[in-house]
């Protein structure tokens, strides 16, 4: 909450197949003001079902801090830049956090509504 009100900040999770893809997407999201910050976490090993087969792959995870109002444009940007046919793009509401940090997200991310 920010000073007694619910935050409109979100955390978006997105896996990428390699460092180049992850850094290209992260840079674009921040430069376009669709995200205040993107962390790139290496060393993610994913187990999933794709087209009826169990798959295992090494990926990188993007932790994207953004706002709910920017989400539609953020999702479209990731989908456009991502090499996967169906990329993982999952948004979670941030229920609480350091008020100054959450205000910073709101100030940096441009309102896309």
N, C-alpha and C. Protein backbone atom coordinates (compact mmCIF):
# COMPACT_ATOMS: atom_id res chain seq x y z
N UNK A 1 0.84 -1.18 0.00
CA UNK A 1 0.00 0.00 0.00
C UNK A 1 0.88 1.24 0.00
N UNK A 2 0.42 2.25 -0.64
CA UNK A 2 1.11 3.53 -0.60
C UNK A 2 0.22 4.49 0.17
N UNK A 3 0.68 4.87 1.36
CA UNK A 3 -0.03 5.81 2.20
C UNK A 3 -1.53 5.52 2.26
N UNK A 4 -1.86 4.28 2.61
CA UNK A 4 -3.25 3.90 2.84
C UNK A 4 -4.04 3.52 1.61
N UNK A 5 -3.40 3.48 0.43
CA UNK A 5 -4.15 3.07 -0.75
C UNK A 5 -3.44 1.90 -1.42
N UNK A 6 -4.21 1.10 -2.13
CA UNK A 6 -3.61 -0.04 -2.82
C UNK A 6 -2.71 0.47 -3.94
N UNK A 7 -1.63 -0.22 -4.16
CA UNK A 7 -0.71 0.16 -5.21
C UNK A 7 -1.17 -0.38 -6.55
N UNK A 8 -0.84 0.32 -7.61
CA UNK A 8 -1.14 -0.13 -8.96
C UNK A 8 0.11 -0.75 -9.58
N UNK A 9 1.10 -1.01 -8.75
CA UNK A 9 2.35 -1.59 -9.24
C UNK A 9 2.18 -3.09 -9.45
N UNK A 10 2.89 -3.60 -10.45
CA UNK A 10 2.84 -5.03 -10.76
C UNK A 10 4.25 -5.56 -10.94
N UNK A 11 4.37 -6.86 -10.79
CA UNK A 11 5.60 -7.58 -11.08
C UNK A 11 5.27 -8.55 -12.20
N UNK A 12 5.98 -8.45 -13.30
CA UNK A 12 5.75 -9.32 -14.45
C UNK A 12 6.91 -10.29 -14.55
N UNK A 13 6.58 -11.56 -14.69
CA UNK A 13 7.57 -12.62 -14.86
C UNK A 13 7.60 -13.04 -16.32
N UNK A 14 8.79 -13.18 -16.87
CA UNK A 14 8.93 -13.60 -18.26
C UNK A 14 10.24 -14.37 -18.40
N UNK A 15 10.18 -15.58 -18.93
CA UNK A 15 11.39 -16.35 -19.18
C UNK A 15 11.89 -16.09 -20.60
N UNK A 16 13.21 -16.15 -20.76
CA UNK A 16 13.85 -15.93 -22.06
C UNK A 16 14.84 -17.05 -22.33
N UNK A 17 15.05 -17.38 -23.61
CA UNK A 17 15.92 -18.51 -23.93
C UNK A 17 17.41 -18.22 -23.81
N UNK A 18 17.81 -16.94 -23.85
CA UNK A 18 19.24 -16.62 -23.82
C UNK A 18 19.45 -15.19 -23.34
N UNK A 19 20.70 -14.87 -23.02
CA UNK A 19 21.04 -13.55 -22.47
C UNK A 19 20.74 -12.42 -23.45
N UNK A 20 21.04 -12.62 -24.73
CA UNK A 20 20.78 -11.56 -25.72
C UNK A 20 19.31 -11.18 -25.76
N UNK A 21 18.44 -12.18 -25.79
CA UNK A 21 16.99 -11.91 -25.80
C UNK A 21 16.57 -11.21 -24.53
N UNK A 22 17.03 -11.70 -23.39
CA UNK A 22 16.65 -11.12 -22.10
C UNK A 22 17.09 -9.67 -22.01
N UNK A 23 18.33 -9.39 -22.40
CA UNK A 23 18.83 -8.02 -22.30
C UNK A 23 18.17 -7.09 -23.32
N UNK A 24 17.85 -7.60 -24.50
CA UNK A 24 17.16 -6.79 -25.51
C UNK A 24 15.78 -6.39 -25.03
N UNK A 25 15.04 -7.35 -24.47
CA UNK A 25 13.70 -7.07 -23.96
C UNK A 25 13.76 -6.14 -22.76
N UNK A 26 14.66 -6.42 -21.82
CA UNK A 26 14.79 -5.59 -20.61
C UNK A 26 15.11 -4.14 -20.98
N UNK A 27 16.07 -3.95 -21.86
CA UNK A 27 16.47 -2.61 -22.28
C UNK A 27 15.31 -1.88 -22.94
N UNK A 28 14.62 -2.54 -23.84
CA UNK A 28 13.50 -1.91 -24.55
C UNK A 28 12.38 -1.50 -23.60
N UNK A 29 12.05 -2.36 -22.64
CA UNK A 29 10.97 -2.05 -21.71
C UNK A 29 11.30 -0.82 -20.86
N UNK A 30 12.56 -0.73 -20.41
CA UNK A 30 12.96 0.41 -19.58
C UNK A 30 13.04 1.68 -20.45
N UNK A 31 13.64 1.57 -21.63
CA UNK A 31 13.77 2.75 -22.50
C UNK A 31 12.41 3.30 -22.93
N UNK A 32 11.44 2.41 -23.13
CA UNK A 32 10.09 2.83 -23.54
C UNK A 32 9.24 3.27 -22.36
N UNK A 33 9.80 3.23 -21.15
CA UNK A 33 9.10 3.59 -19.91
C UNK A 33 7.88 2.69 -19.66
N UNK A 34 7.99 1.44 -20.11
CA UNK A 34 6.97 0.43 -19.81
C UNK A 34 7.31 -0.28 -18.51
N UNK A 35 8.55 -0.13 -18.06
CA UNK A 35 9.02 -0.72 -16.81
C UNK A 35 9.96 0.26 -16.13
N UNK A 36 9.90 0.28 -14.81
CA UNK A 36 10.83 1.11 -14.04
C UNK A 36 12.16 0.38 -13.87
N UNK A 37 12.10 -0.94 -13.80
CA UNK A 37 13.29 -1.75 -13.55
C UNK A 37 13.03 -3.16 -14.04
N UNK A 38 14.05 -3.78 -14.59
CA UNK A 38 13.97 -5.19 -14.99
C UNK A 38 15.23 -5.88 -14.47
N UNK A 39 15.04 -6.92 -13.69
CA UNK A 39 16.15 -7.76 -13.25
C UNK A 39 16.22 -8.97 -14.17
N UNK A 40 17.42 -9.36 -14.54
CA UNK A 40 17.64 -10.56 -15.35
C UNK A 40 18.33 -11.59 -14.46
N UNK A 41 17.62 -12.68 -14.20
CA UNK A 41 18.15 -13.74 -13.35
C UNK A 41 18.57 -14.93 -14.21
N UNK A 42 19.85 -15.28 -14.20
CA UNK A 42 20.30 -16.45 -14.95
C UNK A 42 20.07 -17.73 -14.16
N UNK A 43 20.29 -18.84 -14.82
CA UNK A 43 20.30 -20.12 -14.13
C UNK A 43 18.94 -20.71 -13.83
N UNK A 44 17.92 -20.34 -14.61
CA UNK A 44 16.58 -20.92 -14.42
C UNK A 44 16.49 -22.18 -15.27
N UNK A 45 16.10 -23.27 -14.66
CA UNK A 45 15.88 -24.52 -15.40
C UNK A 45 14.39 -24.77 -15.39
N UNK A 46 13.79 -24.79 -16.56
CA UNK A 46 12.34 -24.91 -16.69
C UNK A 46 11.94 -26.31 -17.16
N UNK A 47 10.92 -26.84 -16.52
CA UNK A 47 10.31 -28.12 -16.89
C UNK A 47 8.88 -27.81 -17.27
N UNK A 48 8.44 -28.19 -18.45
CA UNK A 48 7.11 -27.81 -18.91
C UNK A 48 6.62 -28.78 -19.99
N UNK A 49 5.33 -28.72 -20.25
CA UNK A 49 4.73 -29.52 -21.31
C UNK A 49 4.48 -28.60 -22.49
N UNK A 50 4.98 -28.98 -23.67
CA UNK A 50 4.76 -28.21 -24.88
C UNK A 50 4.40 -29.17 -26.00
N UNK A 51 3.25 -28.96 -26.60
CA UNK A 51 2.74 -29.79 -27.69
C UNK A 51 2.76 -31.28 -27.34
N UNK A 52 2.34 -31.56 -26.10
CA UNK A 52 2.19 -32.93 -25.64
C UNK A 52 3.46 -33.59 -25.12
N UNK A 53 4.58 -32.91 -25.19
CA UNK A 53 5.84 -33.48 -24.74
C UNK A 53 6.37 -32.74 -23.52
N UNK A 54 7.00 -33.49 -22.62
CA UNK A 54 7.67 -32.87 -21.48
C UNK A 54 9.01 -32.34 -21.96
N UNK A 55 9.25 -31.07 -21.70
CA UNK A 55 10.47 -30.40 -22.15
C UNK A 55 11.25 -29.90 -20.93
N UNK A 56 12.54 -29.75 -21.11
CA UNK A 56 13.42 -29.16 -20.10
C UNK A 56 14.31 -28.17 -20.83
N UNK A 57 14.44 -26.97 -20.26
CA UNK A 57 15.29 -25.98 -20.90
C UNK A 57 15.92 -25.03 -19.91
N UNK A 58 17.10 -24.54 -20.25
CA UNK A 58 17.77 -23.52 -19.45
C UNK A 58 17.33 -22.16 -19.96
N UNK A 59 16.89 -21.31 -19.04
CA UNK A 59 16.37 -20.00 -19.41
C UNK A 59 16.88 -18.95 -18.45
N UNK A 60 16.55 -17.70 -18.74
CA UNK A 60 16.77 -16.58 -17.85
C UNK A 60 15.40 -16.04 -17.49
N UNK A 61 15.26 -15.50 -16.29
CA UNK A 61 13.98 -14.97 -15.83
C UNK A 61 14.06 -13.46 -15.73
N UNK A 62 13.10 -12.79 -16.34
CA UNK A 62 12.97 -11.35 -16.18
C UNK A 62 11.99 -11.07 -15.05
N UNK A 63 12.38 -10.18 -14.13
CA UNK A 63 11.49 -9.65 -13.10
C UNK A 63 11.26 -8.19 -13.47
N UNK A 64 10.08 -7.91 -13.97
CA UNK A 64 9.76 -6.59 -14.52
C UNK A 64 8.87 -5.84 -13.55
N UNK A 65 9.33 -4.67 -13.07
CA UNK A 65 8.51 -3.85 -12.18
C UNK A 65 7.85 -2.77 -13.02
N UNK A 66 6.51 -2.75 -12.99
CA UNK A 66 5.75 -1.84 -13.85
C UNK A 66 4.47 -1.42 -13.16
N UNK A 67 3.54 -0.88 -13.94
CA UNK A 67 2.24 -0.47 -13.41
C UNK A 67 1.14 -1.19 -14.16
N UNK A 68 0.00 -1.33 -13.50
CA UNK A 68 -1.14 -2.01 -14.12
C UNK A 68 -1.58 -1.28 -15.39
N UNK A 69 -1.51 0.04 -15.39
CA UNK A 69 -1.97 0.79 -16.57
C UNK A 69 -1.05 0.56 -17.77
N UNK A 70 0.21 0.26 -17.55
CA UNK A 70 1.15 0.02 -18.64
C UNK A 70 1.14 -1.44 -19.11
N UNK A 71 0.46 -2.32 -18.38
CA UNK A 71 0.54 -3.75 -18.69
C UNK A 71 0.15 -4.11 -20.13
N UNK A 72 -0.97 -3.62 -20.67
CA UNK A 72 -1.30 -4.02 -22.05
C UNK A 72 -0.18 -3.69 -23.05
N UNK A 73 0.41 -2.52 -22.95
CA UNK A 73 1.50 -2.15 -23.86
C UNK A 73 2.75 -2.96 -23.57
N UNK A 74 3.02 -3.23 -22.29
CA UNK A 74 4.16 -4.04 -21.90
C UNK A 74 4.02 -5.46 -22.45
N UNK A 75 2.86 -6.04 -22.29
CA UNK A 75 2.62 -7.40 -22.80
C UNK A 75 2.80 -7.44 -24.32
N UNK A 76 2.25 -6.47 -25.02
CA UNK A 76 2.39 -6.42 -26.48
C UNK A 76 3.85 -6.29 -26.89
N UNK A 77 4.61 -5.46 -26.18
CA UNK A 77 6.02 -5.27 -26.50
C UNK A 77 6.81 -6.55 -26.31
N UNK A 78 6.58 -7.23 -25.18
CA UNK A 78 7.29 -8.50 -24.94
C UNK A 78 6.93 -9.51 -26.01
N UNK A 79 5.66 -9.65 -26.29
CA UNK A 79 5.21 -10.64 -27.29
C UNK A 79 5.83 -10.36 -28.65
N UNK A 80 5.93 -9.08 -29.00
CA UNK A 80 6.50 -8.68 -30.29
C UNK A 80 8.00 -9.00 -30.38
N UNK A 81 8.72 -8.85 -29.28
CA UNK A 81 10.18 -9.05 -29.28
C UNK A 81 10.62 -10.47 -28.96
N UNK A 82 9.72 -11.27 -28.41
CA UNK A 82 10.09 -12.58 -27.88
C UNK A 82 10.10 -13.64 -28.97
N UNK A 83 11.11 -14.53 -28.97
CA UNK A 83 11.17 -15.57 -30.00
C UNK A 83 10.21 -16.74 -29.78
N UNK A 84 9.70 -16.92 -28.56
CA UNK A 84 8.81 -18.05 -28.32
C UNK A 84 7.44 -17.81 -28.96
N UNK A 85 6.84 -18.88 -29.43
CA UNK A 85 5.48 -18.80 -29.99
C UNK A 85 4.49 -18.34 -28.91
N UNK A 86 4.65 -18.89 -27.71
CA UNK A 86 3.82 -18.50 -26.56
C UNK A 86 4.75 -18.20 -25.39
N UNK A 87 5.20 -16.94 -25.28
CA UNK A 87 6.11 -16.62 -24.18
C UNK A 87 5.39 -16.58 -22.84
N UNK A 88 6.13 -16.88 -21.80
CA UNK A 88 5.60 -16.75 -20.44
C UNK A 88 5.55 -15.26 -20.12
N UNK A 89 4.35 -14.74 -19.92
CA UNK A 89 4.16 -13.36 -19.48
C UNK A 89 3.08 -13.42 -18.41
N UNK A 90 3.49 -13.30 -17.15
CA UNK A 90 2.58 -13.43 -16.02
C UNK A 90 2.71 -12.18 -15.16
N UNK A 91 1.61 -11.50 -14.89
CA UNK A 91 1.63 -10.29 -14.07
C UNK A 91 1.03 -10.58 -12.70
N UNK A 92 1.72 -10.11 -11.67
CA UNK A 92 1.26 -10.26 -10.29
C UNK A 92 1.11 -8.87 -9.69
N UNK A 93 0.02 -8.64 -8.99
CA UNK A 93 -0.15 -7.37 -8.30
C UNK A 93 0.78 -7.30 -7.11
N UNK A 94 1.36 -6.15 -6.88
CA UNK A 94 2.20 -5.94 -5.70
C UNK A 94 1.29 -5.37 -4.62
N UNK A 95 1.01 -6.18 -3.61
CA UNK A 95 0.07 -5.78 -2.56
C UNK A 95 0.70 -4.77 -1.61
N UNK A 96 1.97 -4.93 -1.32
CA UNK A 96 2.65 -4.04 -0.38
C UNK A 96 4.11 -3.93 -0.78
N UNK A 97 4.73 -2.86 -0.30
CA UNK A 97 6.15 -2.65 -0.54
C UNK A 97 6.58 -1.34 0.09
N UNK A 98 7.85 -1.07 0.01
CA UNK A 98 8.37 0.19 0.53
C UNK A 98 7.68 1.33 -0.22
N UNK A 99 6.95 2.20 0.47
CA UNK A 99 6.20 3.25 -0.22
C UNK A 99 7.03 4.08 -1.20
N UNK A 100 8.24 4.44 -0.81
CA UNK A 100 9.08 5.25 -1.71
C UNK A 100 9.41 4.49 -2.99
N UNK A 101 9.63 3.18 -2.88
CA UNK A 101 9.94 2.38 -4.07
C UNK A 101 8.72 2.27 -4.97
N UNK A 102 7.56 2.03 -4.40
CA UNK A 102 6.35 1.91 -5.20
C UNK A 102 5.99 3.24 -5.86
N UNK A 103 6.23 4.36 -5.17
CA UNK A 103 6.01 5.68 -5.78
C UNK A 103 6.96 5.87 -6.96
N UNK A 104 8.20 5.42 -6.79
CA UNK A 104 9.19 5.53 -7.86
C UNK A 104 8.72 4.78 -9.11
N UNK A 105 8.19 3.57 -8.94
CA UNK A 105 7.67 2.82 -10.08
C UNK A 105 6.58 3.63 -10.78
N UNK A 106 5.64 4.16 -10.00
CA UNK A 106 4.55 4.93 -10.58
C UNK A 106 5.06 6.17 -11.31
N UNK A 107 6.10 6.81 -10.78
CA UNK A 107 6.64 8.02 -11.39
C UNK A 107 7.40 7.72 -12.70
N UNK A 108 8.11 6.60 -12.73
CA UNK A 108 8.95 6.29 -13.89
C UNK A 108 8.15 5.72 -15.05
N UNK A 109 7.20 4.83 -14.75
CA UNK A 109 6.43 4.17 -15.80
C UNK A 109 5.38 5.14 -16.31
N UNK A 110 5.37 5.31 -17.64
CA UNK A 110 4.39 6.21 -18.24
C UNK A 110 3.02 5.57 -18.25
N UNK A 111 2.00 6.35 -17.90
CA UNK A 111 0.62 5.88 -17.89
C UNK A 111 0.18 5.59 -19.32
N UNK A 112 -0.15 4.36 -19.60
CA UNK A 112 -0.54 3.94 -20.95
C UNK A 112 -2.04 3.74 -21.09
N UNK A 113 -2.81 4.14 -20.07
CA UNK A 113 -4.26 3.91 -20.14
C UNK A 113 -4.95 4.95 -20.99
